[in-house]
Amino acid sequence: LGSKWSCGMSVVASRQAAGIPGITPTEEKDGNLPDIVKSGSLHEFLVNLHEGYGPVVSFWFGRRLVVSLGTVDVLKQHINPNKTSDPFETMLKSLLRYQSDGGNVNENHMRKKLYESGVTNSLQSNFALLLKLSEELLDKWLSYPDSQHVPLCQHMLGFAMKSVTQMVMGSTFEDDQEVIHFQKNHGTVWSEIGKGFLDGSLDKSITRKKQYEDALMQLEYILKKIIKERKGRNFSQHIFIDSLVQGNLNDQQILEDSMIFSLASCIITAKLCTWAICFLTTSEEVQKKLYEEIDQVLGKDPITPEKIEQLRYCRQVLCETVRTAKLTPVSARLQDIEGKVDKFIIPRETLVLYALGVVLQDPSTWPLPHKFDPDRFDDESVMKTFSLLGFSGTQECPELRFAYMVTTVLLSVLVRRLHLLSVEGQVIETKYELVTSSKEEAWITVSKRY
């Protein structure tokens, strides 16, 4: 994963992995990269590895030993509830070659608090905007004839980019041209983070590397400008960056944190909206139940921040969407002190992957794992497991919390007025990168409720 994660290890004789079951390197320099590429994605590689070797497995990224954990049980043994660094962000930081937070515990706690207030305040302050953008999308869909095919991924990406950029970075992005420009750079950077680093192909192509670096530079330029504008001034609209600017962070930290947050929130929001609607089109019963809850809680009124809390079934739908789609299939932690999981010792400095995509489909934790069934989240203990994995509760990553809110508002607007329907005969194939998406466009149709 970038040079930063692959250096600093002498080749061990026959490269044995501290007694942890798994595979030896296929290539001296690249380790098991060729196997990952052959599997199609890191997630699919881990599925096979855990099937073959059990819940704790090892392999090699270049010359670096990696340990992957693939059941709730072993994750429980590894996750330290006092650890405040977010494993998804840790992974993004190293991929962007940003400084990984070697910050002390207090500093990490402070940043976590900043993030939390950033999410809460930017959602509160921009709620009307979010509602307006959701209603604009609804009007567009209402204007379509019943049989019209709607390109769901494209529309959700557009909606997420518009809403998230304004809520995170402010009014610069009221201008559609700015959003389009951001989306283009975002796409270039994100596709390389998702793939190019993992299969080593980015470093092998000068043109791709240059495009990636240019796009990242342009994104950083925009963010630096916004950070400078927001410093020491008061605006009526509170955006996510304001919380970071008001915190006790230096300029580089503000830049890196707002970069990670804007990159990840845009994509996680877009994909959560896409998958939620996709699954709703395949289950009439779930959609009906969701409609009834929205009708009961909101009546004829628009949604408000206070009412979001009452949409319990909607939250279950979103949790089950994250689980069924395996929305973020992998996250990572660096083993800072020697650790033990099961009967295995994990050496210091080992990269530890949480194979979340494997865990989310484990039939011993989730009966009928391939069935989309929001009712499973009725159960407190199931919610507990989910929050342990970082998908809800106190361990939830801030980008996901943000995405839950945005998606809830969008669904409350769409489902109230529309039946969401699937296109017959369409098979949606999945592409697993850092955030899971569909390989091709996903098409749906809509019909009016009234």
Protein backbone atom coordinates (compact mmCIF):
# COMPACT_ATOMS: atom_id res chain seq x y z
CA LEU A 1 0.00 0.00 0.00
CA GLY A 2 2.22 2.75 -1.22
CA SER A 3 5.93 2.72 -0.50
CA LYS A 4 5.27 3.83 3.04
CA TRP A 5 3.72 0.52 3.97
CA SER A 6 6.09 -1.77 2.15
CA CYS A 7 9.52 -0.65 3.28
CA GLY A 8 11.54 -1.30 6.35
CA MET A 9 11.39 -5.07 6.50
CA SER A 10 14.29 -7.33 5.70
CA VAL A 11 13.33 -10.47 3.88
CA VAL A 12 12.86 -13.16 6.49
CA ALA A 13 14.19 -16.59 5.63
CA SER A 14 11.34 -18.17 3.61
CA ARG A 15 9.25 -15.25 4.94
CA GLN A 16 7.28 -17.23 7.50
CA ALA A 17 4.42 -15.30 9.05
CA ALA A 18 4.96 -15.58 12.80
CA GLY A 19 3.05 -18.86 12.84
CA ILE A 20 -0.18 -17.28 11.54
CA PRO A 21 -1.84 -19.46 8.85
CA GLY A 22 -1.86 -18.03 5.35
CA ILE A 23 0.15 -17.84 2.15
CA THR A 24 3.80 -17.17 1.43
CA PRO A 25 4.77 -14.45 -1.08
CA THR A 26 4.38 -15.38 -4.74
CA GLU A 27 6.96 -12.77 -5.69
CA GLU A 28 9.99 -11.53 -3.83
CA LYS A 29 9.27 -7.84 -4.39
CA ASP A 30 5.48 -7.73 -4.72
CA GLY A 31 4.57 -10.37 -2.14
CA ASN A 32 1.00 -11.50 -2.84
CA LEU A 33 0.00 -8.54 -5.01
CA PRO A 34 -0.29 -10.81 -8.09
CA ASP A 35 -2.77 -13.01 -6.17
CA ILE A 36 -4.83 -9.98 -5.16
CA VAL A 37 -4.93 -8.78 -8.77
CA LYS A 38 -5.93 -12.26 -9.95
CA SER A 39 -8.80 -12.40 -7.41
CA GLY A 40 -10.26 -9.17 -8.82
CA SER A 41 -10.08 -7.17 -5.59
CA LEU A 42 -8.64 -7.20 -2.10
CA HIS A 43 -12.08 -8.14 -0.73
CA GLU A 44 -12.45 -11.17 -3.00
CA PHE A 45 -8.85 -12.20 -2.22
CA LEU A 46 -9.65 -12.06 1.52
CA VAL A 47 -12.87 -14.07 1.09
CA ASN A 48 -10.83 -16.92 -0.45
CA LEU A 49 -8.03 -16.60 2.07
CA HIS A 50 -10.35 -16.77 5.08
CA GLU A 51 -12.29 -19.66 3.53
CA GLY A 52 -9.04 -21.57 3.16
CA TYR A 53 -7.22 -20.69 6.36
CA GLY A 54 -9.76 -19.63 9.00
CA PRO A 55 -10.53 -16.41 10.90
CA VAL A 56 -6.94 -15.16 11.37
CA VAL A 57 -4.82 -15.23 8.20
CA SER A 58 -1.60 -13.71 6.90
CA PHE A 59 -0.23 -12.65 3.52
CA TRP A 60 2.28 -10.16 2.12
CA PHE A 61 1.87 -6.66 0.68
CA GLY A 62 5.22 -6.27 -1.01
CA ARG A 63 7.67 -7.12 1.78
CA ARG A 64 5.28 -6.31 4.54
CA LEU A 65 3.47 -8.90 6.61
CA VAL A 66 -0.27 -8.31 6.75
CA VAL A 67 -2.69 -10.06 9.10
CA SER A 68 -6.39 -10.14 8.27
CA LEU A 69 -9.19 -10.76 10.77
CA GLY A 70 -12.39 -12.30 9.41
CA THR A 71 -14.93 -13.00 12.19
CA VAL A 72 -16.68 -10.94 14.85
CA ASP A 73 -14.98 -13.04 17.53
CA VAL A 74 -11.41 -12.28 16.53
CA LEU A 75 -12.24 -8.63 15.80
CA LYS A 76 -13.62 -8.30 19.34
CA GLN A 77 -10.27 -9.46 20.66
CA HIS A 78 -8.41 -6.90 18.57
CA ILE A 79 -10.57 -3.79 18.69
CA ASN A 80 -9.58 -1.54 21.52
CA PRO A 81 -12.56 0.63 22.51
CA ASN A 82 -10.18 3.37 23.72
CA LYS A 83 -8.52 3.63 20.31
CA THR A 84 -9.84 6.78 18.71
CA SER A 85 -8.18 6.65 15.32
CA ASP A 86 -10.65 5.50 12.71
CA PRO A 87 -9.42 2.41 10.80
CA PHE A 88 -11.03 3.52 7.53
CA GLU A 89 -9.33 6.91 7.74
CA THR A 90 -6.03 5.35 8.77
CA MET A 91 -6.15 3.43 5.53
CA LEU A 92 -7.04 6.48 3.44
CA LYS A 93 -4.29 8.53 5.02
CA SER A 94 -1.57 6.09 4.15
CA LEU A 95 -2.93 5.67 0.63
CA LEU A 96 -2.79 9.44 0.14
CA ARG A 97 0.67 9.31 1.75
CA TYR A 98 -0.48 11.69 4.45
CA GLN A 99 1.04 11.50 7.91
CA SER A 100 -0.71 8.75 9.78
CA ASP A 101 -1.90 10.07 13.11
CA GLY A 102 0.93 9.35 15.43
CA GLY A 103 -0.97 11.80 17.62
CA ASN A 104 -1.32 11.05 21.30
CA VAL A 105 -4.56 9.77 22.76
CA ASN A 106 -5.71 13.22 23.90
CA GLU A 107 -5.11 14.74 20.50
CA ASN A 108 -7.00 11.90 18.81
CA HIS A 109 -9.90 12.33 21.25
CA MET A 110 -9.99 16.03 20.50
CA ARG A 111 -10.04 15.42 16.76
CA LYS A 112 -12.80 12.87 17.14
CA LYS A 113 -14.86 15.46 19.03
CA LEU A 114 -14.15 18.07 16.32
CA TYR A 115 -15.33 15.63 13.67
CA GLU A 116 -18.48 14.83 15.60
CA SER A 117 -19.42 18.45 16.12
CA GLY A 118 -18.47 19.15 12.50
CA VAL A 119 -20.93 16.55 11.25
CA THR A 120 -23.72 17.61 13.63
CA ASN A 121 -23.34 21.35 13.04
CA SER A 122 -22.97 21.20 9.28
CA LEU A 123 -26.07 19.00 9.01
CA GLN A 124 -28.10 21.28 11.30
CA SER A 125 -26.97 24.45 9.58
CA ASN A 126 -27.53 23.12 6.04
CA PHE A 127 -30.66 21.08 6.61
CA ALA A 128 -32.83 23.34 4.45
CA LEU A 129 -30.30 23.04 1.62
CA LEU A 130 -30.31 19.26 1.89
CA LEU A 131 -34.09 19.22 1.75
CA LYS A 132 -34.10 21.55 -1.25
CA LEU A 133 -31.66 19.37 -3.21
CA SER A 134 -33.66 16.24 -2.36
CA GLU A 135 -36.85 17.91 -3.56
CA GLU A 136 -35.19 19.05 -6.78
CA LEU A 137 -34.28 15.43 -7.50
CA LEU A 138 -37.84 14.34 -6.67
CA ASP A 139 -39.27 16.93 -9.10
CA LYS A 140 -36.97 15.66 -11.81
CA TRP A 141 -38.12 12.06 -11.24
CA LEU A 142 -41.79 13.08 -11.00
CA SER A 143 -41.52 14.64 -14.44
CA TYR A 144 -40.50 11.32 -16.04
CA PRO A 145 -43.05 9.07 -17.75
CA ASP A 146 -43.67 5.84 -15.82
CA SER A 147 -41.54 3.55 -17.94
CA GLN A 148 -38.53 5.86 -18.18
CA HIS A 149 -35.27 4.23 -17.08
CA VAL A 150 -33.43 6.31 -14.49
CA PRO A 151 -29.60 6.01 -14.27
CA LEU A 152 -29.42 5.61 -10.50
CA CYS A 153 -25.63 5.69 -9.94
CA GLN A 154 -25.23 8.83 -12.02
CA HIS A 155 -28.09 10.65 -10.28
CA MET A 156 -26.96 9.64 -6.80
CA LEU A 157 -23.37 10.67 -7.46
CA GLY A 158 -24.60 14.05 -8.73
CA PHE A 159 -26.87 14.50 -5.71
CA ALA A 160 -24.14 13.49 -3.23
CA MET A 161 -21.53 15.71 -4.84
CA LYS A 162 -23.87 18.72 -4.81
CA SER A 163 -25.06 18.31 -1.25
CA VAL A 164 -21.84 17.11 0.37
CA THR A 165 -19.53 19.71 -1.23
CA GLN A 166 -21.77 22.56 -0.05
CA MET A 167 -22.16 21.15 3.47
CA VAL A 168 -18.46 20.37 3.87
CA MET A 169 -16.85 23.19 1.89
CA GLY A 170 -19.49 25.89 1.59
CA SER A 171 -21.07 28.21 -0.94
CA THR A 172 -18.30 28.00 -3.57
CA PHE A 173 -20.16 24.86 -4.63
CA GLU A 174 -23.48 26.55 -5.27
CA ASP A 175 -21.92 26.92 -8.72
CA ASP A 176 -22.59 23.73 -10.71
CA GLN A 177 -19.37 24.21 -12.69
CA GLU A 178 -17.36 24.05 -9.45
CA VAL A 179 -19.16 20.82 -8.51
CA ILE A 180 -18.45 19.26 -11.91
CA HIS A 181 -14.79 20.28 -11.67
CA PHE A 182 -14.54 18.83 -8.15
CA GLN A 183 -16.32 15.64 -9.23
CA LYS A 184 -13.86 15.11 -12.07
CA ASN A 185 -10.79 15.47 -9.81
CA HIS A 186 -12.49 13.46 -7.10
CA GLY A 187 -13.13 10.64 -9.58
CA THR A 188 -9.50 10.55 -10.70
CA VAL A 189 -8.13 10.49 -7.15
CA TRP A 190 -10.70 8.04 -5.84
CA SER A 191 -10.32 5.46 -8.59
CA GLU A 192 -6.57 5.36 -8.00
CA ILE A 193 -6.96 5.10 -4.23
CA GLY A 194 -9.42 2.27 -4.72
CA LYS A 195 -7.38 0.34 -7.21
CA GLY A 196 -4.11 1.77 -8.48
CA PHE A 197 -2.35 1.64 -5.14
CA LEU A 198 -3.57 -1.82 -4.30
CA ASP A 199 -2.45 -3.53 -7.47
CA GLY A 200 0.71 -1.47 -7.84
CA SER A 201 -0.36 -0.32 -11.31
CA LEU A 202 -0.28 3.40 -10.46
CA ASP A 203 3.49 3.45 -9.99
CA LYS A 204 3.94 1.62 -13.29
CA SER A 205 2.14 4.21 -15.41
CA ILE A 206 3.67 7.68 -15.67
CA THR A 207 0.59 9.25 -17.29
CA ARG A 208 -1.82 7.88 -14.72
CA LYS A 209 0.45 8.91 -11.89
CA LYS A 210 0.67 12.44 -13.29
CA GLN A 211 -3.13 12.66 -13.70
CA TYR A 212 -3.59 11.45 -10.14
CA GLU A 213 -1.06 13.92 -8.71
CA ASP A 214 -2.54 16.82 -10.70
CA ALA A 215 -6.05 16.02 -9.53
CA LEU A 216 -4.93 15.74 -5.91
CA MET A 217 -3.09 19.05 -6.22
CA GLN A 218 -6.18 20.76 -7.61
CA LEU A 219 -8.33 19.41 -4.77
CA GLU A 220 -5.76 20.58 -2.22
CA TYR A 221 -5.67 24.00 -3.87
CA ILE A 222 -9.45 24.40 -3.56
CA LEU A 223 -9.38 23.29 0.08
CA LYS A 224 -6.49 25.59 1.01
CA LYS A 225 -8.38 28.52 -0.49
CA ILE A 226 -11.56 27.69 1.46
CA ILE A 227 -9.65 27.13 4.72
CA LYS A 228 -7.98 30.53 4.29
CA GLU A 229 -11.34 32.23 3.61
CA ARG A 230 -13.01 30.69 6.68
CA LYS A 231 -10.23 31.50 9.15
CA GLY A 232 -11.07 34.09 11.80
CA ARG A 233 -14.37 35.06 10.19
CA ASN A 234 -17.96 34.27 11.02
CA PHE A 235 -20.40 33.00 8.42
CA SER A 236 -24.11 32.41 8.88
CA GLN A 237 -23.79 28.99 7.27
CA HIS A 238 -21.72 26.56 9.34
CA ILE A 239 -19.81 24.07 7.20
CA PHE A 240 -17.77 21.04 8.23
CA ILE A 241 -14.45 22.82 7.59
CA ASP A 242 -15.42 25.54 10.12
CA SER A 243 -15.29 22.99 12.94
CA LEU A 244 -11.75 22.00 11.96
CA VAL A 245 -10.67 25.63 11.56
CA GLN A 246 -12.01 26.48 15.02
CA GLY A 247 -10.26 23.49 16.55
CA ASN A 248 -6.70 23.46 17.72
CA LEU A 249 -5.20 22.02 14.52
CA ASN A 250 -2.38 23.25 12.32
CA ASP A 251 -2.99 24.09 8.64
CA GLN A 252 -1.62 20.79 7.34
CA GLN A 253 -3.90 18.80 9.67
CA ILE A 254 -6.92 20.86 8.64
CA LEU A 255 -6.05 20.28 4.99
CA GLU A 256 -5.53 16.52 5.38
CA ASP A 257 -8.59 16.01 7.56
CA SER A 258 -10.88 18.02 5.28
CA MET A 259 -9.45 16.21 2.23
CA ILE A 260 -10.11 12.78 3.74
CA PHE A 261 -13.57 13.84 4.89
CA SER A 262 -14.66 15.38 1.57
CA LEU A 263 -13.28 12.50 -0.51
CA ALA A 264 -14.82 9.81 1.65
CA SER A 265 -18.16 11.50 2.45
CA CYS A 266 -18.96 12.18 -1.20
CA ILE A 267 -18.38 8.60 -2.23
CA ILE A 268 -19.88 6.90 0.85
CA THR A 269 -23.00 9.09 0.60
CA ALA A 270 -23.38 8.45 -3.13
CA LYS A 271 -23.02 4.69 -2.74
CA LEU A 272 -25.22 4.43 0.35
CA CYS A 273 -28.01 6.28 -1.51
CA THR A 274 -27.52 4.08 -4.57
CA TRP A 275 -27.55 0.75 -2.72
CA ALA A 276 -30.43 1.72 -0.43
CA ILE A 277 -32.64 2.55 -3.42
CA CYS A 278 -31.41 -0.54 -5.29
CA PHE A 279 -32.41 -2.85 -2.44
CA LEU A 280 -35.74 -1.05 -1.94
CA THR A 281 -36.60 -1.72 -5.59
CA THR A 282 -36.05 -5.44 -5.00
CA SER A 283 -38.24 -5.66 -1.89
CA GLU A 284 -41.76 -4.32 -2.17
CA GLU A 285 -42.49 -5.29 1.40
CA VAL A 286 -39.58 -3.31 2.87
CA GLN A 287 -40.48 -0.30 0.75
CA LYS A 288 -44.10 -0.45 1.92
CA LYS A 289 -43.02 -0.65 5.55
CA LEU A 290 -40.65 2.29 5.09
CA TYR A 291 -43.39 4.34 3.40
CA GLU A 292 -45.74 3.63 6.31
CA GLU A 293 -43.16 4.76 8.86
CA ILE A 294 -42.39 7.97 6.96
CA ASP A 295 -46.12 8.66 6.66
CA GLN A 296 -46.71 7.99 10.34
CA VAL A 297 -43.77 10.01 11.68
CA LEU A 298 -43.93 12.96 9.28
CA GLY A 299 -47.57 13.13 8.23
CA LYS A 300 -47.77 15.97 5.72
CA ASP A 301 -44.77 17.83 7.17
CA PRO A 302 -41.26 17.85 5.77
CA ILE A 303 -38.55 15.99 7.67
CA THR A 304 -36.65 17.86 10.43
CA PRO A 305 -33.40 16.96 12.22
CA GLU A 306 -35.43 16.00 15.34
CA LYS A 307 -37.70 13.68 13.34
CA ILE A 308 -34.75 11.74 11.89
CA GLU A 309 -34.28 10.06 15.27
CA GLN A 310 -37.84 8.72 15.12
CA LEU A 311 -37.39 7.01 11.76
CA ARG A 312 -36.20 3.78 13.35
CA TYR A 313 -37.11 1.44 10.55
CA CYS A 314 -35.38 3.74 8.07
CA ARG A 315 -32.22 3.41 10.13
CA GLN A 316 -32.60 -0.40 10.02
CA VAL A 317 -32.95 -0.22 6.23
CA LEU A 318 -29.70 1.76 6.02
CA CYS A 319 -27.82 -0.56 8.38
CA GLU A 320 -28.96 -3.56 6.37
CA THR A 321 -27.93 -1.74 3.17
CA VAL A 322 -24.42 -1.22 4.55
CA ARG A 323 -24.27 -4.89 5.56
CA THR A 324 -25.74 -6.45 2.40
CA ALA A 325 -23.72 -4.25 0.03
CA LYS A 326 -20.59 -4.64 2.21
CA LEU A 327 -20.30 -0.88 1.76
CA THR A 328 -16.75 -0.57 3.09
CA PRO A 329 -15.32 -4.09 2.80
CA VAL A 330 -11.89 -3.44 4.32
CA SER A 331 -10.33 -1.17 6.92
CA ALA A 332 -6.90 -1.23 8.53
CA ARG A 333 -4.94 -0.61 11.71
CA LEU A 334 -1.25 -0.57 12.38
CA GLN A 335 -0.27 -2.82 15.28
CA ASP A 336 1.55 -0.29 17.50
CA ILE A 337 2.45 -2.77 20.25
CA GLU A 338 2.72 -6.54 20.03
CA GLY A 339 -0.77 -8.05 20.29
CA LYS A 340 -2.48 -11.38 20.63
CA VAL A 341 -5.58 -12.62 18.81
CA ASP A 342 -6.83 -16.14 19.43
CA LYS A 343 -3.65 -18.14 19.96
CA PHE A 344 -1.62 -16.00 17.57
CA ILE A 345 0.90 -13.30 18.39
CA ILE A 346 0.72 -10.26 16.08
CA PRO A 347 4.15 -8.61 15.89
CA ARG A 348 4.54 -4.85 16.36
CA GLU A 349 4.32 -2.77 13.15
CA THR A 350 2.20 -5.42 11.42
CA LEU A 351 -0.57 -4.07 9.24
CA VAL A 352 -3.83 -5.55 10.52
CA LEU A 353 -6.76 -5.60 8.10
CA TYR A 354 -10.36 -5.84 9.25
CA ALA A 355 -11.97 -7.99 6.55
CA LEU A 356 -15.36 -6.36 7.14
CA GLY A 357 -16.81 -7.68 3.88
CA VAL A 358 -16.06 -11.22 5.06
CA VAL A 359 -17.45 -10.55 8.56
CA LEU A 360 -20.67 -8.97 7.23
CA GLN A 361 -21.50 -12.14 5.30
CA ASP A 362 -20.60 -14.63 8.02
CA PRO A 363 -23.66 -16.90 8.42
CA SER A 364 -22.86 -17.64 12.06
CA THR A 365 -23.35 -13.93 12.86
CA TRP A 366 -25.98 -13.09 10.21
CA PRO A 367 -28.47 -15.88 9.45
CA LEU A 368 -29.26 -15.97 5.69
CA PRO A 369 -26.50 -13.40 5.06
CA HIS A 370 -27.44 -12.77 1.41
CA LYS A 371 -31.02 -11.83 2.19
CA PHE A 372 -31.84 -8.12 2.47
CA ASP A 373 -33.75 -8.09 5.76
CA PRO A 374 -33.84 -4.82 7.76
CA ASP A 375 -35.85 -6.59 10.50
CA ARG A 376 -32.68 -8.30 11.70
CA PHE A 377 -31.65 -4.92 13.16
CA ASP A 378 -34.66 -4.94 15.46
CA ASP A 379 -32.49 -6.90 17.81
CA GLU A 380 -30.31 -4.94 20.29
CA SER A 381 -27.51 -7.52 20.20
CA VAL A 382 -27.32 -7.30 16.40
CA MET A 383 -26.98 -3.52 16.65
CA LYS A 384 -24.21 -4.03 19.24
CA THR A 385 -22.25 -6.23 16.84
CA PHE A 386 -22.75 -3.68 14.09
CA SER A 387 -21.46 -0.81 16.20
CA LEU A 388 -18.47 -2.90 17.27
CA LEU A 389 -17.58 -3.13 13.57
CA GLY A 390 -17.71 0.68 13.34
CA PHE A 391 -20.97 0.91 11.39
CA SER A 392 -23.04 2.63 14.08
CA GLY A 393 -22.83 3.97 17.63
CA THR A 394 -19.72 5.55 19.13
CA GLN A 395 -17.24 3.75 16.86
CA GLU A 396 -19.05 4.92 13.70
CA CYS A 397 -16.86 6.68 11.19
CA PRO A 398 -17.93 10.34 10.78
CA GLU A 399 -18.30 10.04 7.00
CA LEU A 400 -20.79 7.23 7.46
CA ARG A 401 -22.75 9.15 10.08
CA PHE A 402 -22.96 12.00 7.61
CA ALA A 403 -24.09 9.64 4.84
CA TYR A 404 -26.82 8.09 7.05
CA MET A 405 -28.34 11.53 7.64
CA VAL A 406 -28.19 12.66 4.02
CA THR A 407 -29.65 9.35 2.77
CA THR A 408 -32.46 9.47 5.36
CA VAL A 409 -33.51 12.92 4.16
CA LEU A 410 -33.40 11.82 0.52
CA LEU A 411 -35.42 8.64 1.16
CA SER A 412 -38.01 10.51 3.23
CA VAL A 413 -38.58 12.81 0.25
CA LEU A 414 -38.55 10.16 -2.52
CA VAL A 415 -40.43 7.25 -0.91
CA ARG A 416 -43.25 9.50 0.22
CA ARG A 417 -44.17 10.37 -3.37
CA LEU A 418 -42.78 7.53 -5.48
CA HIS A 419 -42.80 3.77 -5.87
CA LEU A 420 -39.21 2.77 -6.67
CA LEU A 421 -39.13 -0.16 -9.10
CA SER A 422 -36.42 -2.36 -10.54
CA VAL A 423 -35.82 -2.85 -14.24
CA GLU A 424 -36.69 -6.40 -15.19
CA GLY A 425 -33.87 -8.75 -16.08
CA GLN A 426 -31.13 -6.41 -14.86
CA VAL A 427 -28.32 -8.15 -12.99
CA ILE A 428 -26.21 -5.83 -10.87
CA GLU A 429 -22.60 -6.92 -10.53
CA THR A 430 -20.49 -5.59 -7.73
CA LYS A 431 -17.13 -3.86 -7.81
CA TYR A 432 -15.23 -4.04 -4.52
CA GLU A 433 -12.80 -1.24 -3.85
CA LEU A 434 -12.51 0.88 -0.69
CA VAL A 435 -16.21 1.58 -1.09
CA THR A 436 -18.39 -0.95 -2.91
CA SER A 437 -20.19 0.10 -6.08
CA SER A 438 -21.90 -1.55 -9.03
CA LYS A 439 -19.75 -2.39 -12.07
CA GLU A 440 -22.22 -0.93 -14.55
CA GLU A 441 -24.94 1.71 -14.28
CA ALA A 442 -27.90 0.52 -12.16
CA TRP A 443 -31.22 1.42 -13.79
CA ILE A 444 -34.56 1.83 -11.99
CA THR A 445 -38.02 3.14 -12.89
CA VAL A 446 -40.37 5.15 -10.71
CA SER A 447 -44.13 5.55 -10.54
CA LYS A 448 -46.09 8.16 -8.63
CA ARG A 449 -47.89 7.29 -5.40
CA TYR A 450 -50.18 10.29 -5.86
